[in-house]
Structures are given as structure tokens and as C-alpha cells.
Amino acid sequence: MMLAGFKLMIIGMVTVFIFISVMILVIAITSKLTKNIAVKEFEKIQEEKKLKAEKLKKQKLAIQLSASEPQRLEVTIPVITAAVKAYEENKSK
């Protein structure tokens, strides 16, 4: 009885060992076959990150420019008004 149990234990352990060894082998082969694909994907992800960062930078710059727009209007309106006034004064002479 004890011998049968020991035999069953050995058969089970050998089966698990073989299964795990085959699984490791398959994973290693798959890793080597898909290595180039993974590198290309990584480069593409890095490029997308750069593009997003540039786009965000441009958006921030646009927001900063639009925030300074009222200040430019405050300066521009009196200058235009003065120019129109000067033109009308010269025209009436």
C-alpha cells in the first residue's frame, strides 16, 4: 500500500515537472519569436508619448496666448481710436 502511494506521488511530480518544463520552453520560444514586434510596439508607444507631449505644450501655449489677448485689446483699442481721430482731423483740414 505504501509503495503504491509512493509510486503515485512520483508519477504526479514527474508529470507536473514535465508540464512546467514544456510551458517554460514554449514561453521562451514565443518570447524570441515576438521580440521584434515588442520592440516596434515600444518605439511606437514612445513616439505617441512625444506627440502627445508636443500637442499638450502647444495647447498650453495657445491658452497662455489667449489669456494675454485681453491685455493686447486694452492697448490696441486706444491706439486705433487715436489713429482714426488723427485721420479724421487731417481729412477735415
C-alpha atoms as a PDB file:
ATOM      1  CA  MET A   1       0.000   0.000   0.000  1.00  0.00           C
ATOM      2  CA  MET A   2       2.787   2.394   0.952  1.00  0.00           C
ATOM      3  CA  LEU A   3       4.662   1.538  -2.234  1.00  0.00           C
ATOM      4  CA  ALA A   4       1.625   2.339  -4.382  1.00  0.00           C
ATOM      5  CA  GLY A   5       1.274   5.749  -2.719  1.00  0.00           C
ATOM      6  CA  PHE A   6       4.944   6.494  -3.238  1.00  0.00           C
ATOM      7  CA  LYS A   7       4.685   5.415  -6.888  1.00  0.00           C
ATOM      8  CA  LEU A   8       1.627   7.659  -7.418  1.00  0.00           C
ATOM      9  CA  MET A   9       3.457  10.595  -5.817  1.00  0.00           C
ATOM     10  CA  ILE A  10       6.491  10.170  -8.093  1.00  0.00           C
ATOM     11  CA  ILE A  11       4.315   9.861 -11.216  1.00  0.00           C
ATOM     12  CA  GLY A  12       2.418  13.028 -10.247  1.00  0.00           C
ATOM     13  CA  MET A  13       5.587  15.010  -9.543  1.00  0.00           C
ATOM     14  CA  VAL A  14       7.204  13.895 -12.809  1.00  0.00           C
ATOM     15  CA  THR A  15       4.040  14.835 -14.727  1.00  0.00           C
ATOM     16  CA  VAL A  16       3.992  18.329 -13.169  1.00  0.00           C
ATOM     17  CA  PHE A  17       7.733  18.732 -13.798  1.00  0.00           C
ATOM     18  CA  ILE A  18       7.352  17.809 -17.486  1.00  0.00           C
ATOM     19  CA  PHE A  19       4.326  20.097 -17.895  1.00  0.00           C
ATOM     20  CA  ILE A  20       6.122  23.071 -16.321  1.00  0.00           C
ATOM     21  CA  SER A  21       9.276  22.399 -18.376  1.00  0.00           C
ATOM     22  CA  VAL A  22       7.269  22.328 -21.623  1.00  0.00           C
ATOM     23  CA  MET A  23       5.439  25.517 -20.590  1.00  0.00           C
ATOM     24  CA  ILE A  24       8.747  27.321 -19.912  1.00  0.00           C
ATOM     25  CA  LEU A  25      10.096  26.145 -23.275  1.00  0.00           C
ATOM     26  CA  VAL A  26       7.002  27.394 -25.120  1.00  0.00           C
ATOM     27  CA  ILE A  27       7.186  30.770 -23.336  1.00  0.00           C
ATOM     28  CA  ALA A  28      10.874  31.150 -24.218  1.00  0.00           C
ATOM     29  CA  ILE A  29      10.244  30.322 -27.894  1.00  0.00           C
ATOM     30  CA  THR A  30       7.283  32.711 -28.055  1.00  0.00           C
ATOM     31  CA  SER A  31       9.381  35.428 -26.461  1.00  0.00           C
ATOM     32  CA  LYS A  32      12.110  35.052 -29.083  1.00  0.00           C
ATOM     33  CA  LEU A  33       9.606  34.994 -31.949  1.00  0.00           C
ATOM     34  CA  THR A  34       7.800  38.153 -30.800  1.00  0.00           C
ATOM     35  CA  LYS A  35      10.840  40.149 -29.681  1.00  0.00           C
ATOM     36  CA  ASN A  36      10.931  42.352 -32.807  1.00  0.00           C
ATOM     37  CA  ILE A  37       7.211  43.026 -32.592  1.00  0.00           C
ATOM     38  CA  ALA A  38       7.552  44.100 -28.963  1.00  0.00           C
ATOM     39  CA  VAL A  39      10.416  46.471 -29.804  1.00  0.00           C
ATOM     40  CA  LYS A  40       8.384  48.066 -32.613  1.00  0.00           C
ATOM     41  CA  GLU A  41       5.383  48.489 -30.313  1.00  0.00           C
ATOM     42  CA  PHE A  42       7.571  50.050 -27.633  1.00  0.00           C
ATOM     43  CA  GLU A  43       9.019  52.536 -30.143  1.00  0.00           C
ATOM     44  CA  LYS A  44       5.529  53.379 -31.378  1.00  0.00           C
ATOM     45  CA  ILE A  45       4.349  53.997 -27.815  1.00  0.00           C
ATOM     46  CA  GLN A  46       7.328  56.281 -27.173  1.00  0.00           C
ATOM     47  CA  GLU A  47       6.580  58.230 -30.367  1.00  0.00           C
ATOM     48  CA  GLU A  48       2.935  58.623 -29.346  1.00  0.00           C
ATOM     49  CA  LYS A  49       4.026  59.929 -25.941  1.00  0.00           C
ATOM     50  CA  LYS A  50       6.263  62.518 -27.614  1.00  0.00           C
ATOM     51  CA  LEU A  51       3.448  63.618 -29.926  1.00  0.00           C
ATOM     52  CA  LYS A  52       1.038  63.939 -27.010  1.00  0.00           C
ATOM     53  CA  ALA A  53       3.588  65.972 -25.054  1.00  0.00           C
ATOM     54  CA  GLU A  54       4.110  68.315 -28.020  1.00  0.00           C
ATOM     55  CA  LYS A  55       0.373  68.673 -28.516  1.00  0.00           C
ATOM     56  CA  LEU A  56      -0.118  69.444 -24.831  1.00  0.00           C
ATOM     57  CA  LYS A  57       2.683  72.001 -24.972  1.00  0.00           C
ATOM     58  CA  LYS A  58       1.051  73.693 -27.972  1.00  0.00           C
ATOM     59  CA  GLN A  59      -2.304  73.719 -26.189  1.00  0.00           C
ATOM     60  CA  LYS A  60      -0.752  75.306 -23.102  1.00  0.00           C
ATOM     61  CA  LEU A  61       0.917  77.930 -25.284  1.00  0.00           C
ATOM     62  CA  ALA A  62      -2.388  78.657 -27.035  1.00  0.00           C
ATOM     63  CA  ILE A  63      -4.088  79.036 -23.663  1.00  0.00           C
ATOM     64  CA  GLN A  64      -1.371  81.408 -22.494  1.00  0.00           C
ATOM     65  CA  LEU A  65      -1.688  83.466 -25.691  1.00  0.00           C
ATOM     66  CA  SER A  66      -5.448  83.630 -25.432  1.00  0.00           C
ATOM     67  CA  ALA A  67      -5.127  84.663 -21.775  1.00  0.00           C
ATOM     68  CA  SER A  68      -2.927  87.599 -22.811  1.00  0.00           C
ATOM     69  CA  GLU A  69      -5.410  88.586 -25.542  1.00  0.00           C
ATOM     70  CA  PRO A  70      -7.455  90.990 -23.321  1.00  0.00           C
ATOM     71  CA  GLN A  71      -4.287  92.890 -22.434  1.00  0.00           C
ATOM     72  CA  ARG A  72      -3.461  93.363 -26.120  1.00  0.00           C
ATOM     73  CA  LEU A  73      -7.010  94.540 -26.762  1.00  0.00           C
ATOM     74  CA  GLU A  74      -6.709  97.117 -23.980  1.00  0.00           C
ATOM     75  CA  VAL A  75      -3.638  98.544 -25.706  1.00  0.00           C
ATOM     76  CA  THR A  76      -4.900  98.126 -29.278  1.00  0.00           C
ATOM     77  CA  ILE A  77      -8.273  99.851 -28.919  1.00  0.00           C
ATOM     78  CA  PRO A  78      -6.907 103.237 -27.737  1.00  0.00           C
ATOM     79  CA  VAL A  79      -4.217 103.167 -30.439  1.00  0.00           C
ATOM     80  CA  ILE A  80      -6.782 102.518 -33.171  1.00  0.00           C
ATOM     81  CA  THR A  81      -9.064 105.173 -31.736  1.00  0.00           C
ATOM     82  CA  ALA A  82      -6.237 107.719 -31.752  1.00  0.00           C
ATOM     83  CA  ALA A  83      -5.341 106.791 -35.338  1.00  0.00           C
ATOM     84  CA  VAL A  84      -8.938 107.209 -36.505  1.00  0.00           C
ATOM     85  CA  LYS A  85      -9.186 110.537 -34.694  1.00  0.00           C
ATOM     86  CA  ALA A  86      -5.946 111.770 -36.279  1.00  0.00           C
ATOM     87  CA  TYR A  87      -7.142 110.628 -39.722  1.00  0.00           C
ATOM     88  CA  GLU A  88     -10.458 112.388 -39.344  1.00  0.00           C
ATOM     89  CA  GLU A  89      -8.718 115.583 -38.155  1.00  0.00           C
ATOM     90  CA  ASN A  90      -6.390 115.518 -41.171  1.00  0.00           C
ATOM     91  CA  LYS A  91      -9.277 114.777 -43.504  1.00  0.00           C
ATOM     92  CA  SER A  92     -11.314 117.750 -42.253  1.00  0.00           C
ATOM     93  CA  LYS A  93      -8.433 120.223 -42.770  1.00  0.00           C
END
